[in-house]
Amino acid sequence: MFRSAPPRSRLAGKIERALNTLLGGDSRVVIDAKASELLAEAGSVAPVISNAMDQAGPGLAGQITVIQAFRRSGLESGLLDSLGDPDPTVRVAGARLCAALRLPDAVPFLIELLDDRDPAVREVAIRSLGRIGGRRAVDALMAHADTLPRHRVVKELSRAASDIDLETLLRDTVNAKTTVNVLIASGLRGDALRAPLIVRMAQDRQCETEVRVAACRALAMIGDPAGADAMRLLASDPDASVKSAAVRARMRISATMRRLAG
């Protein structure tokens, strides 16, 4: 049984009770609400749905059970249609709800919203793609890296990308800016599995300085002890920017190790 923050509306409470029943094993549950009602109260309803999806577990089976309840209730099509509504507030509400449900069919529409004329719509589209994830979302975020704020791209990339996605992107990226984005996303994820590859990138003097600096920053965020040794060796690197980044990274990794040990 899950419990979100106290519902701020009767509708959110009703949705929460229905999803509790669904997750309790009753697969016949129908969501007794209209899409327009959910959209009008997206601020209260979306967190309830998100909590249910989290409670359903990391696997697809439980999450599909929740999605099917909304589909069975005739709500999915209305939520998808809202992404093309002329009113930007409706588009924002629809994106929030589609993200809460992690609707894969919403991804093409959300990609279009990355170029929306309304900044609030663009912002929620970025966050929604990060929440839903998958390779299409990752490719869209990477393709818009030149037009979206870098800190938003790397944050949502860290959420949207799978381990395989990050590995592939780190090995196959064709320009420094893209590689930097993927490195920082890996750092935000605390992706220790990628640490050996990132160490090699930090040490590779054939790489651009900005890539090597980003690799040091990523290792600092990951906090893996093996990174500290690599950063110690780079403290004498002839590139002043890399040397400075390595010193800062080693200090941060050492601080993380002391905190964990204490």
C-alpha atoms as a PDB file:
ATOM      1  CA  MET A   1       0.000   0.000   0.000  1.00  0.00           C
ATOM      2  CA  PHE A   2       1.467   3.337  -1.014  1.00  0.00           C
ATOM      3  CA  ARG A   3       0.732   6.757   0.392  1.00  0.00           C
ATOM      4  CA  SER A   4       1.619   9.993  -1.307  1.00  0.00           C
ATOM      5  CA  ALA A   5       1.708  13.388   0.357  1.00  0.00           C
ATOM      6  CA  PRO A   6      -1.785  14.311   1.641  1.00  0.00           C
ATOM      7  CA  PRO A   7      -3.940  14.791  -1.484  1.00  0.00           C
ATOM      8  CA  ARG A   8      -4.798  18.401  -2.164  1.00  0.00           C
ATOM      9  CA  SER A   9      -8.091  17.547  -3.864  1.00  0.00           C
ATOM     10  CA  ARG A  10     -10.919  15.055  -3.668  1.00  0.00           C
ATOM     11  CA  LEU A  11     -10.045  13.866  -7.161  1.00  0.00           C
ATOM     12  CA  ALA A  12      -6.448  13.100  -6.168  1.00  0.00           C
ATOM     13  CA  GLY A  13      -7.733  11.160  -3.176  1.00  0.00           C
ATOM     14  CA  LYS A  14     -10.097   9.170  -5.385  1.00  0.00           C
ATOM     15  CA  ILE A  15      -7.304   8.364  -7.823  1.00  0.00           C
ATOM     16  CA  GLU A  16      -5.058   7.304  -4.960  1.00  0.00           C
ATOM     17  CA  ARG A  17      -7.681   4.936  -3.551  1.00  0.00           C
ATOM     18  CA  ALA A  18      -8.277   3.400  -6.973  1.00  0.00           C
ATOM     19  CA  LEU A  19      -4.555   2.857  -7.545  1.00  0.00           C
ATOM     20  CA  ASN A  20      -4.151   1.376  -4.072  1.00  0.00           C
ATOM     21  CA  THR A  21      -6.838  -1.140  -4.957  1.00  0.00           C
ATOM     22  CA  LEU A  22      -5.166  -1.869  -8.304  1.00  0.00           C
ATOM     23  CA  LEU A  23      -1.752  -2.417  -6.735  1.00  0.00           C
ATOM     24  CA  GLY A  24      -3.427  -4.559  -4.074  1.00  0.00           C
ATOM     25  CA  GLY A  25      -4.238  -7.072  -6.799  1.00  0.00           C
ATOM     26  CA  ASP A  26      -7.599  -6.058  -8.259  1.00  0.00           C
ATOM     27  CA  SER A  27      -6.862  -5.793 -11.984  1.00  0.00           C
ATOM     28  CA  ARG A  28     -10.467  -4.812 -12.772  1.00  0.00           C
ATOM     29  CA  VAL A  29     -10.036  -1.291 -11.396  1.00  0.00           C
ATOM     30  CA  VAL A  30     -11.392   1.511 -13.568  1.00  0.00           C
ATOM     31  CA  ILE A  31     -10.406   5.156 -13.004  1.00  0.00           C
ATOM     32  CA  ASP A  32     -13.704   6.982 -12.521  1.00  0.00           C
ATOM     33  CA  ALA A  33     -12.707  10.371 -13.908  1.00  0.00           C
ATOM     34  CA  LYS A  34     -12.551  12.287 -17.157  1.00  0.00           C
ATOM     35  CA  ALA A  35      -9.324  13.339 -18.838  1.00  0.00           C
ATOM     36  CA  SER A  36     -10.428  16.963 -18.559  1.00  0.00           C
ATOM     37  CA  GLU A  37     -10.742  16.573 -14.777  1.00  0.00           C
ATOM     38  CA  LEU A  38      -7.255  15.103 -14.482  1.00  0.00           C
ATOM     39  CA  LEU A  39      -5.847  17.915 -16.602  1.00  0.00           C
ATOM     40  CA  ALA A  40      -7.569  20.554 -14.490  1.00  0.00           C
ATOM     41  CA  GLU A  41      -5.965  19.135 -11.337  1.00  0.00           C
ATOM     42  CA  ALA A  42      -2.679  17.851 -12.735  1.00  0.00           C
ATOM     43  CA  GLY A  43      -0.713  19.446  -9.910  1.00  0.00           C
ATOM     44  CA  SER A  44      -2.444  17.197  -7.371  1.00  0.00           C
ATOM     45  CA  VAL A  45      -3.015  14.127  -9.511  1.00  0.00           C
ATOM     46  CA  ALA A  46       0.403  13.736 -11.175  1.00  0.00           C
ATOM     47  CA  PRO A  47       2.294  13.116  -7.878  1.00  0.00           C
ATOM     48  CA  VAL A  48      -0.259  10.446  -6.922  1.00  0.00           C
ATOM     49  CA  ILE A  49       0.244   8.667 -10.238  1.00  0.00           C
ATOM     50  CA  SER A  50       4.032   8.981  -9.962  1.00  0.00           C
ATOM     51  CA  ASN A  51       3.977   7.411  -6.520  1.00  0.00           C
ATOM     52  CA  ALA A  52       1.866   4.538  -7.817  1.00  0.00           C
ATOM     53  CA  MET A  53       4.283   3.936 -10.681  1.00  0.00           C
ATOM     54  CA  ASP A  54       7.198   3.933  -8.248  1.00  0.00           C
ATOM     55  CA  GLN A  55       5.349   1.550  -5.953  1.00  0.00           C
ATOM     56  CA  ALA A  56       4.635  -0.743  -8.896  1.00  0.00           C
ATOM     57  CA  GLY A  57       8.372  -1.463  -9.001  1.00  0.00           C
ATOM     58  CA  PRO A  58      11.242  -0.932 -11.425  1.00  0.00           C
ATOM     59  CA  GLY A  59      10.078  -3.649 -13.821  1.00  0.00           C
ATOM     60  CA  LEU A  60       7.721  -2.988 -16.706  1.00  0.00           C
ATOM     61  CA  ALA A  61       5.022  -5.445 -15.630  1.00  0.00           C
ATOM     62  CA  GLY A  62       3.783  -3.455 -12.633  1.00  0.00           C
ATOM     63  CA  GLN A  63       3.972  -0.149 -14.469  1.00  0.00           C
ATOM     64  CA  ILE A  64       2.036  -1.545 -17.426  1.00  0.00           C
ATOM     65  CA  THR A  65      -0.686  -2.598 -14.993  1.00  0.00           C
ATOM     66  CA  VAL A  66      -1.130   1.035 -13.959  1.00  0.00           C
ATOM     67  CA  ILE A  67      -1.035   2.281 -17.558  1.00  0.00           C
ATOM     68  CA  GLN A  68      -3.622  -0.299 -18.585  1.00  0.00           C
ATOM     69  CA  ALA A  69      -5.983   0.926 -15.889  1.00  0.00           C
ATOM     70  CA  PHE A  70      -5.914   4.409 -17.408  1.00  0.00           C
ATOM     71  CA  ARG A  71      -6.218   2.953 -20.905  1.00  0.00           C
ATOM     72  CA  ARG A  72      -9.143   0.769 -19.840  1.00  0.00           C
ATOM     73  CA  SER A  73     -10.800   3.867 -18.403  1.00  0.00           C
ATOM     74  CA  GLY A  74     -10.525   5.720 -21.728  1.00  0.00           C
ATOM     75  CA  LEU A  75      -8.080   8.297 -20.347  1.00  0.00           C
ATOM     76  CA  GLU A  76      -4.889   7.617 -22.282  1.00  0.00           C
ATOM     77  CA  SER A  77      -6.063   9.081 -25.593  1.00  0.00           C
ATOM     78  CA  GLY A  78      -7.321  12.237 -23.903  1.00  0.00           C
ATOM     79  CA  LEU A  79      -3.988  12.778 -22.183  1.00  0.00           C
ATOM     80  CA  LEU A  80      -2.095  12.289 -25.439  1.00  0.00           C
ATOM     81  CA  ASP A  81      -4.446  14.660 -27.261  1.00  0.00           C
ATOM     82  CA  SER A  82      -3.830  17.324 -24.621  1.00  0.00           C
ATOM     83  CA  LEU A  83      -0.207  17.610 -25.760  1.00  0.00           C
ATOM     84  CA  GLY A  84      -1.452  19.289 -28.925  1.00  0.00           C
ATOM     85  CA  ASP A  85      -3.999  21.557 -27.238  1.00  0.00           C
ATOM     86  CA  PRO A  86      -3.880  25.254 -28.265  1.00  0.00           C
ATOM     87  CA  ASP A  87      -3.786  26.278 -24.589  1.00  0.00           C
ATOM     88  CA  PRO A  88      -0.216  26.074 -23.179  1.00  0.00           C
ATOM     89  CA  THR A  89      -1.531  25.414 -19.660  1.00  0.00           C
ATOM     90  CA  VAL A  90      -3.277  22.308 -20.966  1.00  0.00           C
ATOM     91  CA  ARG A  91      -0.110  21.196 -22.759  1.00  0.00           C
ATOM     92  CA  VAL A  92       1.837  21.610 -19.517  1.00  0.00           C
ATOM     93  CA  ALA A  93      -0.755  19.643 -17.542  1.00  0.00           C
ATOM     94  CA  GLY A  94      -0.848  16.906 -20.175  1.00  0.00           C
ATOM     95  CA  ALA A  95       2.927  16.586 -20.216  1.00  0.00           C
ATOM     96  CA  ARG A  96       3.012  16.273 -16.419  1.00  0.00           C
ATOM     97  CA  LEU A  97       0.412  13.518 -16.418  1.00  0.00           C
ATOM     98  CA  CYS A  98       1.969  11.625 -19.337  1.00  0.00           C
ATOM     99  CA  ALA A  99       5.330  11.794 -17.570  1.00  0.00           C
ATOM    100  CA  ALA A 100       3.804  10.562 -14.319  1.00  0.00           C
ATOM    101  CA  LEU A 101       2.391   7.572 -16.211  1.00  0.00           C
ATOM    102  CA  ARG A 102       5.648   7.172 -18.185  1.00  0.00           C
ATOM    103  CA  LEU A 103       3.618   6.823 -21.370  1.00  0.00           C
ATOM    104  CA  PRO A 104       5.994   5.778 -24.164  1.00  0.00           C
ATOM    105  CA  ASP A 105       3.444   6.865 -26.781  1.00  0.00           C
ATOM    106  CA  ALA A 106       3.771  10.430 -25.478  1.00  0.00           C
ATOM    107  CA  VAL A 107       7.449  10.683 -26.423  1.00  0.00           C
ATOM    108  CA  PRO A 108       6.985  11.821 -30.074  1.00  0.00           C
ATOM    109  CA  PHE A 109       4.603  14.567 -28.947  1.00  0.00           C
ATOM    110  CA  LEU A 110       6.934  15.647 -26.147  1.00  0.00           C
ATOM    111  CA  ILE A 111       9.798  15.845 -28.618  1.00  0.00           C
ATOM    112  CA  GLU A 112       7.761  18.321 -30.646  1.00  0.00           C
ATOM    113  CA  LEU A 113       7.116  20.335 -27.471  1.00  0.00           C
ATOM    114  CA  LEU A 114      10.856  20.856 -27.037  1.00  0.00           C
ATOM    115  CA  ASP A 115      10.451  23.509 -29.734  1.00  0.00           C
ATOM    116  CA  ASP A 116       7.226  24.954 -28.322  1.00  0.00           C
ATOM    117  CA  ARG A 117       6.949  28.737 -28.353  1.00  0.00           C
ATOM    118  CA  ASP A 118       6.001  28.735 -24.651  1.00  0.00           C
ATOM    119  CA  PRO A 119       9.003  28.388 -22.270  1.00  0.00           C
ATOM    120  CA  ALA A 120       6.914  26.647 -19.591  1.00  0.00           C
ATOM    121  CA  VAL A 121       5.900  24.006 -22.120  1.00  0.00           C
ATOM    122  CA  ARG A 122       9.508  23.505 -23.239  1.00  0.00           C
ATOM    123  CA  GLU A 123      10.623  23.097 -19.614  1.00  0.00           C
ATOM    124  CA  VAL A 124       7.999  20.494 -18.754  1.00  0.00           C
ATOM    125  CA  ALA A 125       8.738  18.655 -22.012  1.00  0.00           C
ATOM    126  CA  ILE A 126      12.406  18.319 -21.038  1.00  0.00           C
ATOM    127  CA  ARG A 127      11.513  17.002 -17.584  1.00  0.00           C
ATOM    128  CA  SER A 128       8.888  14.654 -18.993  1.00  0.00           C
ATOM    129  CA  LEU A 129      11.316  13.070 -21.441  1.00  0.00           C
ATOM    130  CA  GLY A 130      13.728  12.519 -18.566  1.00  0.00           C
ATOM    131  CA  ARG A 131      10.999  10.862 -16.530  1.00  0.00           C
ATOM    132  CA  ILE A 132       9.759   8.578 -19.324  1.00  0.00           C
ATOM    133  CA  GLY A 133      13.224   7.731 -20.597  1.00  0.00           C
ATOM    134  CA  GLY A 134      14.111   5.320 -23.379  1.00  0.00           C
ATOM    135  CA  ARG A 135      16.338   5.679 -26.417  1.00  0.00           C
ATOM    136  CA  ARG A 136      13.978   7.991 -28.320  1.00  0.00           C
ATOM    137  CA  ALA A 137      13.959  10.406 -25.393  1.00  0.00           C
ATOM    138  CA  VAL A 138      17.749  10.216 -25.113  1.00  0.00           C
ATOM    139  CA  ASP A 139      18.225  10.888 -28.832  1.00  0.00           C
ATOM    140  CA  ALA A 140      15.847  13.861 -28.659  1.00  0.00           C
ATOM    141  CA  LEU A 141      17.674  15.407 -25.718  1.00  0.00           C
ATOM    142  CA  MET A 142      21.006  14.963 -27.463  1.00  0.00           C
ATOM    143  CA  ALA A 143      19.645  16.423 -30.703  1.00  0.00           C
ATOM    144  CA  HIS A 144      18.433  19.533 -28.856  1.00  0.00           C
ATOM    145  CA  ALA A 145      21.627  20.037 -26.855  1.00  0.00           C
ATOM    146  CA  ASP A 146      22.455  23.185 -28.830  1.00  0.00           C
ATOM    147  CA  THR A 147      19.088  24.831 -28.194  1.00  0.00           C
ATOM    148  CA  LEU A 148      18.333  23.785 -24.622  1.00  0.00           C
ATOM    149  CA  PRO A 149      20.192  24.838 -21.452  1.00  0.00           C
ATOM    150  CA  ARG A 150      23.099  22.436 -20.900  1.00  0.00           C
ATOM    151  CA  HIS A 151      22.305  21.880 -17.213  1.00  0.00           C
ATOM    152  CA  ARG A 152      18.777  20.791 -18.130  1.00  0.00           C
ATOM    153  CA  VAL A 153      19.976  18.468 -20.880  1.00  0.00           C
ATOM    154  CA  VAL A 154      22.537  16.666 -18.724  1.00  0.00           C
ATOM    155  CA  LYS A 155      20.163  16.333 -15.763  1.00  0.00           C
ATOM    156  CA  GLU A 156      17.392  14.768 -17.823  1.00  0.00           C
ATOM    157  CA  LEU A 157      19.859  12.699 -19.813  1.00  0.00           C
ATOM    158  CA  SER A 158      21.089  11.228 -16.536  1.00  0.00           C
ATOM    159  CA  ARG A 159      17.508  10.146 -15.798  1.00  0.00           C
ATOM    160  CA  ALA A 160      16.449   9.044 -19.274  1.00  0.00           C
ATOM    161  CA  ALA A 161      19.479   7.034 -20.396  1.00  0.00           C
ATOM    162  CA  SER A 162      20.010   3.380 -19.595  1.00  0.00           C
ATOM    163  CA  ASP A 163      23.441   2.051 -18.673  1.00  0.00           C
ATOM    164  CA  ILE A 164      23.787   0.740 -22.231  1.00  0.00           C
ATOM    165  CA  ASP A 165      22.822   4.146 -23.632  1.00  0.00           C
ATOM    166  CA  LEU A 166      25.519   5.903 -21.612  1.00  0.00           C
ATOM    167  CA  GLU A 167      28.156   3.344 -22.550  1.00  0.00           C
ATOM    168  CA  THR A 168      27.287   3.643 -26.233  1.00  0.00           C
ATOM    169  CA  LEU A 169      27.228   7.424 -26.172  1.00  0.00           C
ATOM    170  CA  LEU A 170      30.566   7.662 -24.383  1.00  0.00           C
ATOM    171  CA  ARG A 171      32.214   5.389 -26.931  1.00  0.00           C
ATOM    172  CA  ASP A 172      30.531   6.716 -30.070  1.00  0.00           C
ATOM    173  CA  THR A 173      30.137  10.474 -29.581  1.00  0.00           C
ATOM    174  CA  VAL A 174      31.575  12.486 -32.442  1.00  0.00           C
ATOM    175  CA  ASN A 175      32.144  15.933 -30.943  1.00  0.00           C
ATOM    176  CA  ALA A 176      33.474  17.347 -27.703  1.00  0.00           C
ATOM    177  CA  LYS A 177      30.286  19.110 -26.629  1.00  0.00           C
ATOM    178  CA  THR A 178      28.230  15.941 -26.866  1.00  0.00           C
ATOM    179  CA  THR A 179      30.878  13.942 -25.011  1.00  0.00           C
ATOM    180  CA  VAL A 180      30.976  16.523 -22.222  1.00  0.00           C
ATOM    181  CA  ASN A 181      27.193  16.315 -21.815  1.00  0.00           C
ATOM    182  CA  VAL A 182      27.295  12.519 -21.570  1.00  0.00           C
ATOM    183  CA  LEU A 183      30.194  12.597 -19.105  1.00  0.00           C
ATOM    184  CA  ILE A 184      28.398  15.020 -16.781  1.00  0.00           C
ATOM    185  CA  ALA A 185      25.202  12.966 -17.062  1.00  0.00           C
ATOM    186  CA  SER A 186      27.187   9.869 -16.057  1.00  0.00           C
ATOM    187  CA  GLY A 187      28.561  11.772 -13.087  1.00  0.00           C
ATOM    188  CA  LEU A 188      25.111  12.903 -11.991  1.00  0.00           C
ATOM    189  CA  ARG A 189      23.976   9.281 -12.153  1.00  0.00           C
ATOM    190  CA  GLY A 190      26.867   8.229  -9.925  1.00  0.00           C
ATOM    191  CA  ASP A 191      27.630   5.679 -12.609  1.00  0.00           C
ATOM    192  CA  ALA A 192      30.501   3.699 -11.058  1.00  0.00           C
ATOM    193  CA  LEU A 193      30.297   1.065 -13.814  1.00  0.00           C
ATOM    194  CA  ARG A 194      31.454   3.683 -16.294  1.00  0.00           C
ATOM    195  CA  ALA A 195      34.308   4.900 -14.038  1.00  0.00           C
ATOM    196  CA  PRO A 196      37.130   2.885 -15.712  1.00  0.00           C
ATOM    197  CA  LEU A 197      36.186   4.237 -19.144  1.00  0.00           C
ATOM    198  CA  ILE A 198      35.897   7.772 -17.767  1.00  0.00           C
ATOM    199  CA  VAL A 199      39.336   7.444 -16.121  1.00  0.00           C
ATOM    200  CA  ARG A 200      40.824   6.515 -19.496  1.00  0.00           C
ATOM    201  CA  MET A 201      39.171   9.543 -21.086  1.00  0.00           C
ATOM    202  CA  ALA A 202      40.553  11.834 -18.376  1.00  0.00           C
ATOM    203  CA  GLN A 203      44.047  10.431 -18.919  1.00  0.00           C
ATOM    204  CA  ASP A 204      43.960  10.492 -22.718  1.00  0.00           C
ATOM    205  CA  ARG A 205      46.015  13.468 -23.889  1.00  0.00           C
ATOM    206  CA  GLN A 206      44.603  13.017 -27.381  1.00  0.00           C
ATOM    207  CA  CYS A 207      41.198  14.111 -26.080  1.00  0.00           C
ATOM    208  CA  GLU A 208      40.156  17.761 -26.069  1.00  0.00           C
ATOM    209  CA  THR A 209      40.841  19.616 -22.831  1.00  0.00           C
ATOM    210  CA  GLU A 210      37.140  20.202 -22.169  1.00  0.00           C
ATOM    211  CA  VAL A 211      36.476  16.468 -22.437  1.00  0.00           C
ATOM    212  CA  ARG A 212      39.278  15.605 -20.030  1.00  0.00           C
ATOM    213  CA  VAL A 213      38.102  18.265 -17.569  1.00  0.00           C
ATOM    214  CA  ALA A 214      34.526  16.946 -17.802  1.00  0.00           C
ATOM    215  CA  ALA A 215      35.818  13.416 -17.156  1.00  0.00           C
ATOM    216  CA  CYS A 216      37.510  14.648 -13.974  1.00  0.00           C
ATOM    217  CA  ARG A 217      34.278  16.339 -12.890  1.00  0.00           C
ATOM    218  CA  ALA A 218      32.313  13.162 -13.598  1.00  0.00           C
ATOM    219  CA  LEU A 219      34.705  11.061 -11.513  1.00  0.00           C
ATOM    220  CA  ALA A 220      34.383  13.565  -8.669  1.00  0.00           C
ATOM    221  CA  MET A 221      30.600  13.200  -8.735  1.00  0.00           C
ATOM    222  CA  ILE A 222      30.781   9.411  -8.927  1.00  0.00           C
ATOM    223  CA  GLY A 223      33.127   9.306  -5.937  1.00  0.00           C
ATOM    224  CA  ASP A 224      34.643   5.933  -6.782  1.00  0.00           C
ATOM    225  CA  PRO A 225      37.890   5.350  -4.799  1.00  0.00           C
ATOM    226  CA  ALA A 226      39.682   4.179  -7.954  1.00  0.00           C
ATOM    227  CA  GLY A 227      39.159   7.643  -9.348  1.00  0.00           C
ATOM    228  CA  ALA A 228      41.242   9.185  -6.578  1.00  0.00           C
ATOM    229  CA  ASP A 229      44.381   7.352  -7.713  1.00  0.00           C
ATOM    230  CA  ALA A 230      43.817   8.423 -11.297  1.00  0.00           C
ATOM    231  CA  MET A 231      43.321  12.022 -10.213  1.00  0.00           C
ATOM    232  CA  ARG A 232      46.546  11.899  -8.170  1.00  0.00           C
ATOM    233  CA  LEU A 233      48.473  10.976 -11.315  1.00  0.00           C
ATOM    234  CA  LEU A 234      46.827  13.781 -13.267  1.00  0.00           C
ATOM    235  CA  ALA A 235      47.866  16.347 -10.668  1.00  0.00           C
ATOM    236  CA  SER A 236      51.112  16.689 -12.645  1.00  0.00           C
ATOM    237  CA  ASP A 237      49.472  16.828 -16.065  1.00  0.00           C
ATOM    238  CA  PRO A 238      50.995  19.449 -18.405  1.00  0.00           C
ATOM    239  CA  ASP A 239      47.520  20.803 -19.218  1.00  0.00           C
ATOM    240  CA  ALA A 240      46.798  23.366 -16.491  1.00  0.00           C
ATOM    241  CA  SER A 241      43.015  23.025 -16.820  1.00  0.00           C
ATOM    242  CA  VAL A 242      43.166  19.242 -16.492  1.00  0.00           C
ATOM    243  CA  LYS A 243      45.595  19.503 -13.586  1.00  0.00           C
ATOM    244  CA  SER A 244      43.287  21.895 -11.732  1.00  0.00           C
ATOM    245  CA  ALA A 245      40.208  19.740 -12.406  1.00  0.00           C
ATOM    246  CA  ALA A 246      42.063  16.631 -11.217  1.00  0.00           C
ATOM    247  CA  VAL A 247      43.128  18.265  -7.957  1.00  0.00           C
ATOM    248  CA  ARG A 248      39.555  19.377  -7.239  1.00  0.00           C
ATOM    249  CA  ALA A 249      38.195  15.967  -8.177  1.00  0.00           C
ATOM    250  CA  ARG A 250      40.634  14.145  -5.912  1.00  0.00           C
ATOM    251  CA  MET A 251      39.706  16.406  -2.995  1.00  0.00           C
ATOM    252  CA  ARG A 252      36.009  15.738  -3.554  1.00  0.00           C
ATOM    253  CA  ILE A 253      36.488  11.982  -3.877  1.00  0.00           C
ATOM    254  CA  SER A 254      38.607  11.925  -0.716  1.00  0.00           C
ATOM    255  CA  ALA A 255      35.933  13.884   1.147  1.00  0.00           C
ATOM    256  CA  THR A 256      33.297  11.373  -0.030  1.00  0.00           C
ATOM    257  CA  MET A 257      35.440   8.452   1.131  1.00  0.00           C
ATOM    258  CA  ARG A 258      35.968  10.023   4.574  1.00  0.00           C
ATOM    259  CA  ARG A 259      32.252  10.682   4.929  1.00  0.00           C
ATOM    260  CA  LEU A 260      31.382   7.090   4.023  1.00  0.00           C
ATOM    261  CA  ALA A 261      34.047   5.731   6.369  1.00  0.00           C
ATOM    262  CA  GLY A 262      32.802   7.847   9.250  1.00  0.00           C
END
